[in-house]
Amino acid sequence: MLYYKNPYFNYVRRRPLALVGPLAVLIMIYLFFFSSSGKKDTAKYSYNKKSSAWFGKNKDSVILRNLPKNHISHYDLNKLTISPDALTKKEEVLILSPMSKFLPEYWENLNKLTYDHSLISLGFIFPRTQEGDQALKELEDSLKRSKAQNKLNFKKITLLRQDSNSLKSQAEKDRHAFKVQKERRSMMALARNSLVFTTISPTTSWVLWLDADIVETPPTLIQDLTAHNKPVLSANVYQRYFDPETNQKSIRPYDFNNWVESEEGLKIASGLADDEIIVEGYAEMATYRPLMAHFYDANGDVNSEMALDGVGGGAVMVKADVHRDGAMFPSFPFYHLIETEGFAKMAKRLGYEVFGLPNYLVYHHNE
């Protein structure tokens, strides 16, 4: 029998399990936490997010647990219909409204639209101003009331805040002052682009741009505009007011951004610097363009169409493919045009036609 001077060796020799036991435990711990080996038939890639710690939970685990197993969606846009029979074919409409001030009449009018509300998605964007904060609060309150009354049947509603600047004052006389038009409309263009490209979905067939100041339209607005099957189609924006001369209620043209190009307009554009724009409807820059607002005929056909070169943003129906093809609202001078008028120019450069309905009226709020 062998004996070692070191008593530990003699102890291990007499009781070998005293060493084997701890070693086995260490090996099991290593294999459990550090070994990368697995079954040979395990998939090469896994979409399950691994925990970042031995006993910790990944912060995305709740989201990942609730994802359906096959959560990658495929859409064939060639099967998406955009037709004059929009309601019959259950085509989805996205109504977009930049909003700096909430008007109850706007919301009431929106809810009176007879197009199937389950096919309508709404998108709003608010400036980061005190007025924008108030408008957002008032719209949220209206949404809650409608929901409590089981009257909120729209497919989806998206509320956004601008991540770009906006004018401090949104009073009508201030925002329409000639000197602020380039700055103001550049800001509006950024807001419109953020709104449309955030909210448009693979199932959207039509996009209706409806200003938050539009307080009265025919209930069949969507059906009426889509029936023309035009890539871009604008209604004629008027305003109700009290005429002191006749002592009666009357109407007057409001939106002068729906126009046909003129020789004078082209001449003015040719003499401008690259960063200058033409602003329609101001005496400071007379273009003598034919304005759709002046072509209204109270006895005329409401379906009468007028080819346009520029549009406003009051009530404009756009085929969603026009936006998908890249037509946006330039926040920079585009052929000396900007925002909605620049959008019309861009759409035409992409090969789309732009039209207006001079006898089809919608009404702007009178402050």
Protein backbone atom coordinates (compact mmCIF):
# COMPACT_ATOMS: atom_id res chain seq x y z
CA MET A 1 0.00 0.00 0.00
CA LEU A 2 1.32 3.43 -1.00
CA TYR A 3 1.31 6.39 1.31
CA TYR A 4 1.97 10.02 0.40
CA LYS A 5 3.46 12.61 2.63
CA ASN A 6 0.66 15.03 1.70
CA PRO A 7 -2.39 13.98 3.73
CA TYR A 8 -4.79 15.31 1.00
CA PHE A 9 -3.55 12.74 -1.51
CA ASN A 10 -4.07 9.96 1.01
CA TYR A 11 -7.59 11.29 1.71
CA VAL A 12 -8.53 11.37 -1.99
CA ARG A 13 -7.02 7.91 -2.53
CA ARG A 14 -9.16 6.45 0.24
CA ARG A 15 -12.31 8.42 -0.77
CA PRO A 16 -12.23 9.10 -4.56
CA LEU A 17 -15.86 10.29 -4.66
CA ALA A 18 -14.85 13.32 -2.64
CA LEU A 19 -13.07 14.59 -5.80
CA VAL A 20 -15.30 13.14 -8.52
CA GLY A 21 -18.48 14.69 -7.12
CA PRO A 22 -17.35 18.37 -7.23
CA LEU A 23 -15.76 17.83 -10.67
CA ALA A 24 -19.01 16.43 -12.05
CA VAL A 25 -20.94 19.43 -10.73
CA LEU A 26 -18.47 21.87 -12.36
CA ILE A 27 -18.70 20.04 -15.71
CA MET A 28 -22.51 20.15 -15.66
CA ILE A 29 -22.49 23.89 -14.89
CA TYR A 30 -20.12 24.50 -17.81
CA LEU A 31 -22.20 22.47 -20.24
CA PHE A 32 -25.43 24.16 -19.15
CA PHE A 33 -24.30 27.76 -19.39
CA PHE A 34 -21.38 27.87 -21.83
CA SER A 35 -21.69 24.99 -24.24
CA SER A 36 -22.91 25.99 -27.76
CA SER A 37 -23.50 22.44 -28.86
CA GLY A 38 -27.01 21.30 -29.71
CA LYS A 39 -28.95 18.90 -31.82
CA LYS A 40 -27.64 18.50 -35.33
CA ASP A 41 -31.07 19.12 -36.83
CA THR A 42 -31.48 22.51 -35.08
CA ALA A 43 -32.28 25.34 -37.54
CA LYS A 44 -29.27 27.41 -38.53
CA TYR A 45 -31.06 30.69 -37.79
CA SER A 46 -33.56 31.53 -35.11
CA TYR A 47 -35.78 34.59 -34.76
CA ASN A 48 -36.15 34.03 -31.01
CA LYS A 49 -34.22 36.69 -29.17
CA LYS A 50 -31.75 35.17 -26.70
CA SER A 51 -31.61 36.32 -23.11
CA SER A 52 -28.69 38.63 -22.40
CA ALA A 53 -28.07 37.12 -18.95
CA TRP A 54 -28.23 33.73 -17.26
CA PHE A 55 -31.32 34.44 -15.22
CA GLY A 56 -32.42 37.75 -16.74
CA LYS A 57 -35.31 38.45 -19.11
CA ASN A 58 -34.86 40.34 -22.32
CA LYS A 59 -36.85 43.60 -22.45
CA ASP A 60 -38.40 42.57 -25.78
CA SER A 61 -39.61 39.21 -24.51
CA VAL A 62 -43.23 40.35 -24.05
CA ILE A 63 -43.40 41.67 -27.61
CA LEU A 64 -41.74 38.57 -29.01
CA ARG A 65 -44.04 36.25 -27.08
CA ASN A 66 -47.10 38.00 -28.52
CA LEU A 67 -45.94 37.97 -32.14
CA PRO A 68 -47.70 35.39 -34.29
CA LYS A 69 -45.38 32.63 -35.46
CA ASN A 70 -45.67 33.77 -39.06
CA HIS A 71 -45.49 37.53 -38.53
CA ILE A 72 -43.93 38.49 -41.86
CA SER A 73 -46.70 39.83 -44.12
CA HIS A 74 -46.70 39.83 -47.91
CA TYR A 75 -48.78 42.26 -50.00
CA ASP A 76 -49.37 42.12 -53.74
CA LEU A 77 -50.15 45.73 -54.66
CA ASN A 78 -50.98 44.61 -58.19
CA LYS A 79 -54.22 43.24 -56.73
CA LEU A 80 -55.11 46.51 -55.00
CA THR A 81 -58.04 48.15 -56.78
CA ILE A 82 -58.39 51.91 -57.26
CA SER A 83 -61.61 52.40 -59.15
CA PRO A 84 -64.61 54.72 -59.64
CA ASP A 85 -66.67 52.12 -57.73
CA ALA A 86 -64.67 52.57 -54.54
CA LEU A 87 -67.44 51.82 -52.05
CA THR A 88 -68.79 48.83 -53.96
CA LYS A 89 -65.30 47.33 -54.14
CA LYS A 90 -64.63 48.19 -50.48
CA GLU A 91 -61.57 50.28 -51.28
CA GLU A 92 -59.89 51.84 -48.26
CA VAL A 93 -59.61 55.61 -47.93
CA LEU A 94 -57.07 57.50 -45.83
CA ILE A 95 -58.23 60.97 -44.75
CA LEU A 96 -55.35 63.24 -43.74
CA SER A 97 -55.68 66.58 -41.94
CA PRO A 98 -52.86 68.75 -40.61
CA MET A 99 -54.45 70.41 -37.58
CA SER A 100 -53.36 73.50 -35.66
CA LYS A 101 -56.84 74.30 -34.38
CA PHE A 102 -59.70 71.95 -33.59
CA LEU A 103 -63.11 72.92 -34.94
CA PRO A 104 -66.12 70.91 -33.70
CA GLU A 105 -67.83 71.58 -37.05
CA TYR A 106 -64.97 69.82 -38.85
CA TRP A 107 -65.35 66.72 -36.66
CA GLU A 108 -69.14 66.73 -37.00
CA ASN A 109 -68.89 66.99 -40.78
CA LEU A 110 -66.33 64.18 -40.89
CA ASN A 111 -68.64 61.88 -38.96
CA LYS A 112 -71.50 62.64 -41.37
CA LEU A 113 -69.63 61.17 -44.35
CA THR A 114 -71.66 58.27 -45.70
CA TYR A 115 -68.72 56.21 -46.96
CA ASP A 116 -68.32 53.04 -44.87
CA HIS A 117 -66.37 54.23 -41.81
CA SER A 118 -64.79 50.79 -41.37
CA LEU A 119 -62.97 51.46 -44.66
CA ILE A 120 -61.73 54.89 -43.55
CA SER A 121 -58.51 55.57 -41.66
CA LEU A 122 -57.81 59.01 -40.22
CA GLY A 123 -54.46 60.73 -39.80
CA PHE A 124 -53.76 64.01 -37.99
CA ILE A 125 -50.55 65.92 -37.35
CA PHE A 126 -50.24 68.74 -34.82
CA PRO A 127 -47.61 71.49 -34.51
CA ARG A 128 -45.48 71.60 -31.36
CA THR A 129 -47.03 74.84 -30.21
CA GLN A 130 -49.46 75.85 -27.49
CA GLU A 131 -52.24 75.97 -30.09
CA GLY A 132 -51.25 72.52 -31.31
CA ASP A 133 -51.36 71.16 -27.75
CA GLN A 134 -54.86 72.53 -27.30
CA ALA A 135 -56.05 71.15 -30.65
CA LEU A 136 -54.69 67.71 -29.78
CA LYS A 137 -56.45 67.74 -26.41
CA GLU A 138 -59.78 68.79 -27.92
CA LEU A 139 -59.61 66.14 -30.64
CA GLU A 140 -58.74 63.46 -28.07
CA ASP A 141 -61.73 64.55 -25.98
CA SER A 142 -64.00 64.27 -29.03
CA LEU A 143 -62.62 60.82 -29.81
CA LYS A 144 -63.32 59.65 -26.26
CA ARG A 145 -66.88 60.98 -26.38
CA SER A 146 -67.55 59.32 -29.72
CA LYS A 147 -66.12 56.05 -28.43
CA ALA A 148 -68.22 56.20 -25.26
CA GLN A 149 -71.32 56.65 -27.44
CA ASN A 150 -70.28 53.75 -29.70
CA LYS A 151 -70.06 56.15 -32.64
CA LEU A 152 -66.36 55.70 -33.39
CA ASN A 153 -66.25 53.19 -36.25
CA PHE A 154 -63.23 54.31 -38.26
CA LYS A 155 -60.73 51.57 -39.10
CA LYS A 156 -57.74 53.38 -37.62
CA ILE A 157 -56.90 56.81 -36.21
CA THR A 158 -53.33 58.12 -36.02
CA LEU A 159 -52.28 61.24 -34.11
CA LEU A 160 -48.81 62.64 -34.81
CA ARG A 161 -46.76 65.55 -33.50
CA GLN A 162 -44.57 67.52 -35.87
CA ASP A 163 -40.84 67.02 -35.49
CA SER A 164 -40.26 70.20 -37.51
CA ASN A 165 -40.90 73.87 -36.82
CA SER A 166 -44.17 75.70 -37.42
CA LEU A 167 -45.34 79.30 -37.34
CA LYS A 168 -45.95 80.70 -33.87
CA SER A 169 -49.23 82.32 -34.88
CA GLN A 170 -51.91 80.36 -36.74
CA ALA A 171 -54.40 83.25 -36.93
CA GLU A 172 -55.89 83.52 -40.42
CA LYS A 173 -54.50 86.99 -41.17
CA ASP A 174 -51.02 86.02 -39.95
CA ARG A 175 -50.68 82.68 -41.72
CA HIS A 176 -51.91 84.15 -45.02
CA ALA A 177 -49.60 87.18 -44.99
CA PHE A 178 -47.58 87.29 -48.23
CA LYS A 179 -44.20 87.74 -46.52
CA VAL A 180 -44.45 84.47 -44.54
CA GLN A 181 -45.72 82.24 -47.35
CA LYS A 182 -42.44 80.59 -48.30
CA GLU A 183 -41.52 79.80 -44.70
CA ARG A 184 -45.04 78.78 -43.71
CA ARG A 185 -45.69 76.56 -46.69
CA SER A 186 -42.28 74.93 -46.42
CA MET A 187 -43.18 73.96 -42.85
CA MET A 188 -46.58 72.73 -44.01
CA ALA A 189 -44.96 70.61 -46.71
CA LEU A 190 -42.75 68.87 -44.15
CA ALA A 191 -45.78 68.18 -41.97
CA ARG A 192 -47.80 66.80 -44.90
CA ASN A 193 -44.96 64.51 -45.97
CA SER A 194 -44.51 63.18 -42.44
CA LEU A 195 -48.24 62.56 -42.23
CA VAL A 196 -48.77 60.72 -45.50
CA PHE A 197 -45.66 58.55 -45.45
CA THR A 198 -46.26 57.55 -41.83
CA THR A 199 -49.92 56.59 -42.27
CA ILE A 200 -50.29 55.19 -45.79
CA SER A 201 -50.66 51.40 -45.73
CA PRO A 202 -50.43 48.60 -48.31
CA THR A 203 -54.25 48.46 -48.32
CA THR A 204 -54.82 52.19 -48.94
CA SER A 205 -56.47 52.89 -52.31
CA TRP A 206 -57.29 56.58 -51.95
CA VAL A 207 -55.88 59.50 -49.95
CA LEU A 208 -58.20 62.43 -49.19
CA TRP A 209 -56.43 65.59 -48.07
CA LEU A 210 -59.00 67.48 -46.04
CA ASP A 211 -58.00 70.70 -44.30
CA ALA A 212 -59.02 70.91 -40.65
CA ASP A 213 -60.75 74.22 -41.54
CA ILE A 214 -63.20 72.53 -43.91
CA VAL A 215 -66.44 72.48 -41.94
CA GLU A 216 -69.02 71.63 -44.60
CA THR A 217 -68.99 69.13 -47.45
CA PRO A 218 -71.58 66.92 -49.12
CA PRO A 219 -71.99 63.71 -47.05
CA THR A 220 -71.11 61.77 -50.20
CA LEU A 221 -67.80 63.61 -50.62
CA ILE A 222 -65.68 60.45 -50.93
CA GLN A 223 -68.02 58.69 -53.35
CA ASP A 224 -68.38 61.86 -55.43
CA LEU A 225 -64.64 62.44 -55.82
CA THR A 226 -63.58 58.83 -56.37
CA ALA A 227 -66.30 58.43 -59.03
CA HIS A 228 -64.25 60.65 -61.35
CA ASN A 229 -61.36 58.17 -61.14
CA LYS A 230 -58.73 60.91 -61.48
CA PRO A 231 -55.18 60.63 -60.08
CA VAL A 232 -55.52 64.06 -58.43
CA LEU A 233 -58.86 65.83 -58.08
CA SER A 234 -59.63 69.00 -56.11
CA ALA A 235 -62.97 70.34 -54.94
CA ASN A 236 -63.63 74.09 -55.06
CA VAL A 237 -63.22 75.71 -51.64
CA TYR A 238 -65.63 78.53 -50.81
CA GLN A 239 -66.56 80.34 -47.61
CA ARG A 240 -69.90 81.37 -46.15
CA TYR A 241 -70.14 84.94 -44.85
CA PHE A 242 -72.59 87.70 -44.09
CA ASP A 243 -72.69 90.29 -46.88
CA PRO A 244 -73.28 93.75 -45.35
CA GLU A 245 -74.19 95.21 -48.75
CA THR A 246 -77.12 92.87 -49.31
CA ASN A 247 -77.68 92.24 -45.60
CA GLN A 248 -77.85 88.53 -46.39
CA LYS A 249 -75.77 85.40 -46.02
CA SER A 250 -73.67 84.68 -49.07
CA ILE A 251 -70.67 82.70 -50.31
CA ARG A 252 -67.31 83.77 -51.71
CA PRO A 253 -64.22 82.07 -53.17
CA TYR A 254 -61.58 81.10 -50.62
CA ASP A 255 -58.84 78.85 -52.05
CA PHE A 256 -56.93 80.41 -54.96
CA ASN A 257 -54.31 77.67 -55.24
CA ASN A 258 -56.33 75.71 -57.81
CA TRP A 259 -55.16 77.25 -61.07
CA VAL A 260 -54.16 76.84 -64.70
CA GLU A 261 -50.73 78.08 -65.75
CA SER A 262 -50.55 81.35 -67.71
CA GLU A 263 -48.02 82.97 -70.01
CA GLU A 264 -47.48 85.67 -67.40
CA GLY A 265 -46.83 83.02 -64.75
CA LEU A 266 -44.23 81.33 -66.94
CA LYS A 267 -42.64 84.70 -67.66
CA ILE A 268 -42.39 85.53 -63.96
CA ALA A 269 -40.90 82.11 -63.22
CA SER A 270 -38.23 82.52 -65.88
CA GLY A 271 -36.94 85.64 -64.14
CA LEU A 272 -36.78 84.22 -60.62
CA ALA A 273 -33.73 82.96 -58.80
CA ASP A 274 -33.59 79.22 -58.12
CA ASP A 275 -34.66 79.62 -54.49
CA GLU A 276 -37.64 81.92 -55.19
CA ILE A 277 -41.26 80.81 -55.45
CA ILE A 278 -44.48 82.06 -57.03
CA VAL A 279 -47.33 82.44 -54.56
CA GLU A 280 -50.78 82.52 -56.12
CA GLY A 281 -53.64 84.76 -55.05
CA TYR A 282 -51.61 87.81 -53.97
CA ALA A 283 -51.57 91.25 -55.59
CA GLU A 284 -47.84 91.47 -54.87
CA MET A 285 -47.27 88.82 -57.56
CA ALA A 286 -49.96 89.00 -60.23
CA THR A 287 -49.71 85.96 -62.51
CA TYR A 288 -53.09 86.33 -64.24
CA ARG A 289 -53.55 82.59 -64.01
CA PRO A 290 -57.11 81.32 -64.50
CA LEU A 291 -58.25 80.40 -60.98
CA MET A 292 -60.77 77.60 -60.54
CA ALA A 293 -62.41 79.60 -57.74
CA HIS A 294 -63.62 82.08 -60.38
CA PHE A 295 -65.14 79.39 -62.61
CA TYR A 296 -67.93 78.42 -60.24
CA ASP A 297 -71.35 78.35 -61.89
CA ALA A 298 -74.26 77.95 -59.48
CA ASN A 299 -76.35 76.48 -62.29
CA GLY A 300 -73.57 74.35 -63.77
CA ASP A 301 -72.98 70.61 -63.62
CA VAL A 302 -71.30 69.67 -60.33
CA ASN A 303 -69.41 66.93 -62.17
CA SER A 304 -67.85 69.35 -64.66
CA GLU A 305 -64.07 68.84 -64.70
CA MET A 306 -61.31 71.38 -65.22
CA ALA A 307 -57.68 70.49 -65.98
CA LEU A 308 -55.34 72.17 -63.49
CA ASP A 309 -51.64 72.85 -63.03
CA GLY A 310 -51.76 73.75 -59.34
CA VAL A 311 -53.93 72.62 -56.43
CA GLY A 312 -54.64 73.74 -52.89
CA GLY A 313 -55.04 71.42 -49.93
CA GLY A 314 -58.66 72.09 -48.96
CA ALA A 315 -60.25 68.89 -50.27
CA VAL A 316 -58.08 66.92 -52.69
CA MET A 317 -58.61 63.26 -53.55
CA VAL A 318 -55.42 61.46 -54.61
CA LYS A 319 -54.96 57.93 -55.82
CA ALA A 320 -52.62 56.30 -53.31
CA ASP A 321 -50.32 55.13 -56.10
CA VAL A 322 -49.49 58.76 -56.88
CA HIS A 323 -47.87 59.07 -53.46
CA ARG A 324 -46.36 55.59 -53.70
CA ASP A 325 -44.70 56.60 -56.96
CA GLY A 326 -42.95 59.44 -55.13
CA ALA A 327 -45.19 62.48 -55.50
CA MET A 328 -44.75 64.47 -52.31
CA PHE A 329 -45.04 68.04 -51.09
CA PRO A 330 -41.77 69.85 -51.81
CA SER A 331 -40.57 71.94 -48.90
CA PHE A 332 -38.18 73.61 -51.34
CA PRO A 333 -38.78 75.52 -54.58
CA PHE A 334 -39.75 72.95 -57.22
CA TYR A 335 -40.07 74.74 -60.55
CA HIS A 336 -40.66 77.81 -58.34
CA LEU A 337 -43.60 76.11 -56.63
CA ILE A 338 -43.92 74.75 -53.11
CA GLU A 339 -46.17 72.54 -50.95
CA THR A 340 -49.55 71.65 -52.57
CA GLU A 341 -48.84 73.56 -55.79
CA GLY A 342 -45.43 71.88 -55.94
CA PHE A 343 -47.15 68.53 -55.37
CA ALA A 344 -49.37 69.09 -58.42
CA LYS A 345 -46.32 69.94 -60.50
CA MET A 346 -44.49 66.85 -59.27
CA ALA A 347 -47.49 64.62 -59.99
CA LYS A 348 -47.66 65.97 -63.53
CA ARG A 349 -43.92 65.45 -64.01
CA LEU A 350 -44.52 61.81 -63.01
CA GLY A 351 -47.13 61.54 -65.77
CA TYR A 352 -50.32 61.95 -63.75
CA GLU A 353 -53.20 64.27 -64.66
CA VAL A 354 -54.52 66.89 -62.25
CA PHE A 355 -58.13 68.07 -62.30
CA GLY A 356 -60.56 70.19 -60.34
CA LEU A 357 -64.34 70.41 -59.97
CA PRO A 358 -65.25 74.11 -60.24
CA ASN A 359 -68.94 73.55 -59.40
CA TYR A 360 -68.41 71.13 -56.54
CA LEU A 361 -68.17 73.25 -53.39
CA VAL A 362 -66.83 72.57 -49.93
CA TYR A 363 -66.79 75.29 -47.30
CA HIS A 364 -63.97 76.75 -45.23
CA HIS A 365 -64.47 77.98 -41.69
CA ASN A 366 -64.98 81.74 -41.39
CA GLU A 367 -62.99 83.13 -38.48
